[in-house]
Every structure is written in structure tokens, then in C-alpha cells.
Amino acid sequence: MTYAAQRLEQIERQPETVAYKVDPMIVRAAKQIYRYYADSYAAQLPRPMGIAINRLDMTGKLIYSQLILLPQESFVPMELIELSDYH
């Protein structure tokens, strides 16, 4: 019982930032999909959490709530897409 409580305290103390390691091709595909979204629908739809990219054909879909990925999909969070726009 004490181990679980100690583990929970360790998890709660971890910083909010998480480092992501994503293939640059996947990030590029996510950026293209996000640009299309921003140019076409940004005023009508809320900001997504990120984009799920299919690694087989580089298609993607915007994720707004629950994150459920298929085995061939990778998730690219919006923070990574926005960060890579400036670098």
C-alpha cells in the first residue's frame, strides 16, 4: 500500500512537459494537415489536441477528445506542430 502511495507522489511531482520523439516525415505530414485545417476550418472548429498520422500512407485526422490509435498510427500533439513551425 505504501509503495502505491509513494509511486503516486512521484508521478504527481513530475513536470508537465513531455519530450516527444517523432519521425520528421510524420511531423511534416501533420504540419501539412494542420495548415489545411487552419486555412479552411479554423474559425468554425475548436483547436484540436493533435493529429493522428497513418504511417503507411501519411494520411491523418484531427483529434479533439479521446485518443485511440490504430497500430499503424502515430500521434503528433499540437505543441510539437506549433513548436516546429518556428524552427
C-alpha atoms as a PDB file:
ATOM      1  CA  MET A   1       0.000   0.000   0.000  1.00  0.00           C
ATOM      2  CA  THR A   2       2.794   2.430   0.801  1.00  0.00           C
ATOM      3  CA  TYR A   3       4.564   1.632  -2.457  1.00  0.00           C
ATOM      4  CA  ALA A   4       1.483   2.694  -4.434  1.00  0.00           C
ATOM      5  CA  ALA A   5       1.226   5.933  -2.464  1.00  0.00           C
ATOM      6  CA  GLN A   6       4.930   6.679  -2.978  1.00  0.00           C
ATOM      7  CA  ARG A   7       4.640   5.926  -6.700  1.00  0.00           C
ATOM      8  CA  LEU A   8       1.623   8.241  -6.973  1.00  0.00           C
ATOM      9  CA  GLU A   9       3.576  11.038  -5.280  1.00  0.00           C
ATOM     10  CA  GLN A  10       6.459  10.557  -7.736  1.00  0.00           C
ATOM     11  CA  ILE A  11       4.094  10.771 -10.686  1.00  0.00           C
ATOM     12  CA  GLU A  12       2.427  13.908  -9.320  1.00  0.00           C
ATOM     13  CA  ARG A  13       5.806  15.627  -8.866  1.00  0.00           C
ATOM     14  CA  GLN A  14       6.916  15.090 -12.453  1.00  0.00           C
ATOM     15  CA  PRO A  15       6.924  18.217 -14.630  1.00  0.00           C
ATOM     16  CA  GLU A  16       4.130  18.779 -17.133  1.00  0.00           C
ATOM     17  CA  THR A  17       6.430  18.902 -20.145  1.00  0.00           C
ATOM     18  CA  VAL A  18       6.974  15.663 -22.002  1.00  0.00           C
ATOM     19  CA  ALA A  19       9.632  15.144 -24.643  1.00  0.00           C
ATOM     20  CA  TYR A  20       8.331  13.644 -27.874  1.00  0.00           C
ATOM     21  CA  LYS A  21      10.456  11.807 -30.395  1.00  0.00           C
ATOM     22  CA  VAL A  22       8.583  11.643 -33.694  1.00  0.00           C
ATOM     23  CA  ASP A  23       9.811  10.867 -37.197  1.00  0.00           C
ATOM     24  CA  PRO A  24      10.352  14.131 -39.161  1.00  0.00           C
ATOM     25  CA  MET A  25       8.281  12.777 -42.078  1.00  0.00           C
ATOM     26  CA  ILE A  26       5.336  12.267 -39.729  1.00  0.00           C
ATOM     27  CA  VAL A  27       5.727  15.782 -38.323  1.00  0.00           C
ATOM     28  CA  ARG A  28       5.854  17.192 -41.867  1.00  0.00           C
ATOM     29  CA  ALA A  29       2.645  15.359 -42.809  1.00  0.00           C
ATOM     30  CA  ALA A  30       0.962  16.585 -39.603  1.00  0.00           C
ATOM     31  CA  LYS A  31       2.007  20.169 -40.345  1.00  0.00           C
ATOM     32  CA  GLN A  32       0.520  19.956 -43.860  1.00  0.00           C
ATOM     33  CA  ILE A  33      -2.765  18.612 -42.499  1.00  0.00           C
ATOM     34  CA  TYR A  34      -2.838  21.298 -39.810  1.00  0.00           C
ATOM     35  CA  ARG A  35      -2.161  24.055 -42.372  1.00  0.00           C
ATOM     36  CA  TYR A  36      -5.084  22.823 -44.466  1.00  0.00           C
ATOM     37  CA  TYR A  37      -7.275  22.793 -41.344  1.00  0.00           C
ATOM     38  CA  ALA A  38      -6.151  26.283 -40.304  1.00  0.00           C
ATOM     39  CA  ASP A  39      -6.717  27.723 -43.774  1.00  0.00           C
ATOM     40  CA  SER A  40     -10.119  26.111 -44.238  1.00  0.00           C
ATOM     41  CA  TYR A  41     -11.887  25.432 -40.946  1.00  0.00           C
ATOM     42  CA  ALA A  42     -10.082  27.091 -38.034  1.00  0.00           C
ATOM     43  CA  ALA A  43     -12.827  29.669 -37.487  1.00  0.00           C
ATOM     44  CA  GLN A  44     -15.565  27.005 -37.380  1.00  0.00           C
ATOM     45  CA  LEU A  45     -13.930  24.199 -35.362  1.00  0.00           C
ATOM     46  CA  PRO A  46     -12.187  24.165 -31.960  1.00  0.00           C
ATOM     47  CA  ARG A  47      -8.438  23.704 -31.562  1.00  0.00           C
ATOM     48  CA  PRO A  48      -7.513  20.002 -31.800  1.00  0.00           C
ATOM     49  CA  MET A  49      -5.352  18.127 -29.259  1.00  0.00           C
ATOM     50  CA  GLY A  50      -3.189  16.857 -32.079  1.00  0.00           C
ATOM     51  CA  ILE A  51      -3.157  14.851 -35.281  1.00  0.00           C
ATOM     52  CA  ALA A  52      -3.122  11.077 -35.766  1.00  0.00           C
ATOM     53  CA  ILE A  53      -0.963  10.155 -38.771  1.00  0.00           C
ATOM     54  CA  ASN A  54      -1.172   6.824 -40.554  1.00  0.00           C
ATOM     55  CA  ARG A  55       2.458   5.787 -41.097  1.00  0.00           C
ATOM     56  CA  LEU A  56       1.616   3.632 -44.113  1.00  0.00           C
ATOM     57  CA  ASP A  57       0.114   6.304 -46.378  1.00  0.00           C
ATOM     58  CA  MET A  58       0.784   9.535 -44.398  1.00  0.00           C
ATOM     59  CA  THR A  59      -2.902  10.444 -44.163  1.00  0.00           C
ATOM     60  CA  GLY A  60      -4.133  11.989 -40.957  1.00  0.00           C
ATOM     61  CA  LYS A  61      -7.074  13.114 -38.913  1.00  0.00           C
ATOM     62  CA  LEU A  62      -7.525  15.762 -36.269  1.00  0.00           C
ATOM     63  CA  ILE A  63      -8.017  14.517 -32.705  1.00  0.00           C
ATOM     64  CA  TYR A  64     -10.321  16.571 -30.475  1.00  0.00           C
ATOM     65  CA  SER A  65     -11.031  14.345 -27.464  1.00  0.00           C
ATOM     66  CA  GLN A  66     -10.215  10.718 -26.730  1.00  0.00           C
ATOM     67  CA  LEU A  67      -7.024   9.404 -28.226  1.00  0.00           C
ATOM     68  CA  ILE A  68      -7.444   5.919 -29.661  1.00  0.00           C
ATOM     69  CA  LEU A  69      -4.783   4.987 -32.185  1.00  0.00           C
ATOM     70  CA  LEU A  70      -4.614   2.086 -34.567  1.00  0.00           C
ATOM     71  CA  PRO A  71      -1.347   0.105 -34.592  1.00  0.00           C
ATOM     72  CA  GLN A  72      -0.094   1.858 -37.734  1.00  0.00           C
ATOM     73  CA  GLU A  73      -0.866   5.386 -36.442  1.00  0.00           C
ATOM     74  CA  SER A  74       1.302   7.916 -34.617  1.00  0.00           C
ATOM     75  CA  PHE A  75       0.039  10.860 -32.588  1.00  0.00           C
ATOM     76  CA  VAL A  76       1.579  14.293 -33.101  1.00  0.00           C
ATOM     77  CA  PRO A  77       0.498  16.781 -30.394  1.00  0.00           C
ATOM     78  CA  MET A  78      -0.331  20.364 -31.347  1.00  0.00           C
ATOM     79  CA  GLU A  79       2.519  21.658 -29.190  1.00  0.00           C
ATOM     80  CA  LEU A  80       5.013  19.800 -31.385  1.00  0.00           C
ATOM     81  CA  ILE A  81       3.394  21.052 -34.601  1.00  0.00           C
ATOM     82  CA  GLU A  82       3.317  24.658 -33.384  1.00  0.00           C
ATOM     83  CA  LEU A  83       6.843  24.417 -31.999  1.00  0.00           C
ATOM     84  CA  SER A  84       8.230  23.088 -35.251  1.00  0.00           C
ATOM     85  CA  ASP A  85       6.599  25.971 -37.154  1.00  0.00           C
ATOM     86  CA  TYR A  86       9.105  28.334 -35.540  1.00  0.00           C
ATOM     87  CA  HIS A  87      12.233  26.206 -36.039  1.00  0.00           C
END
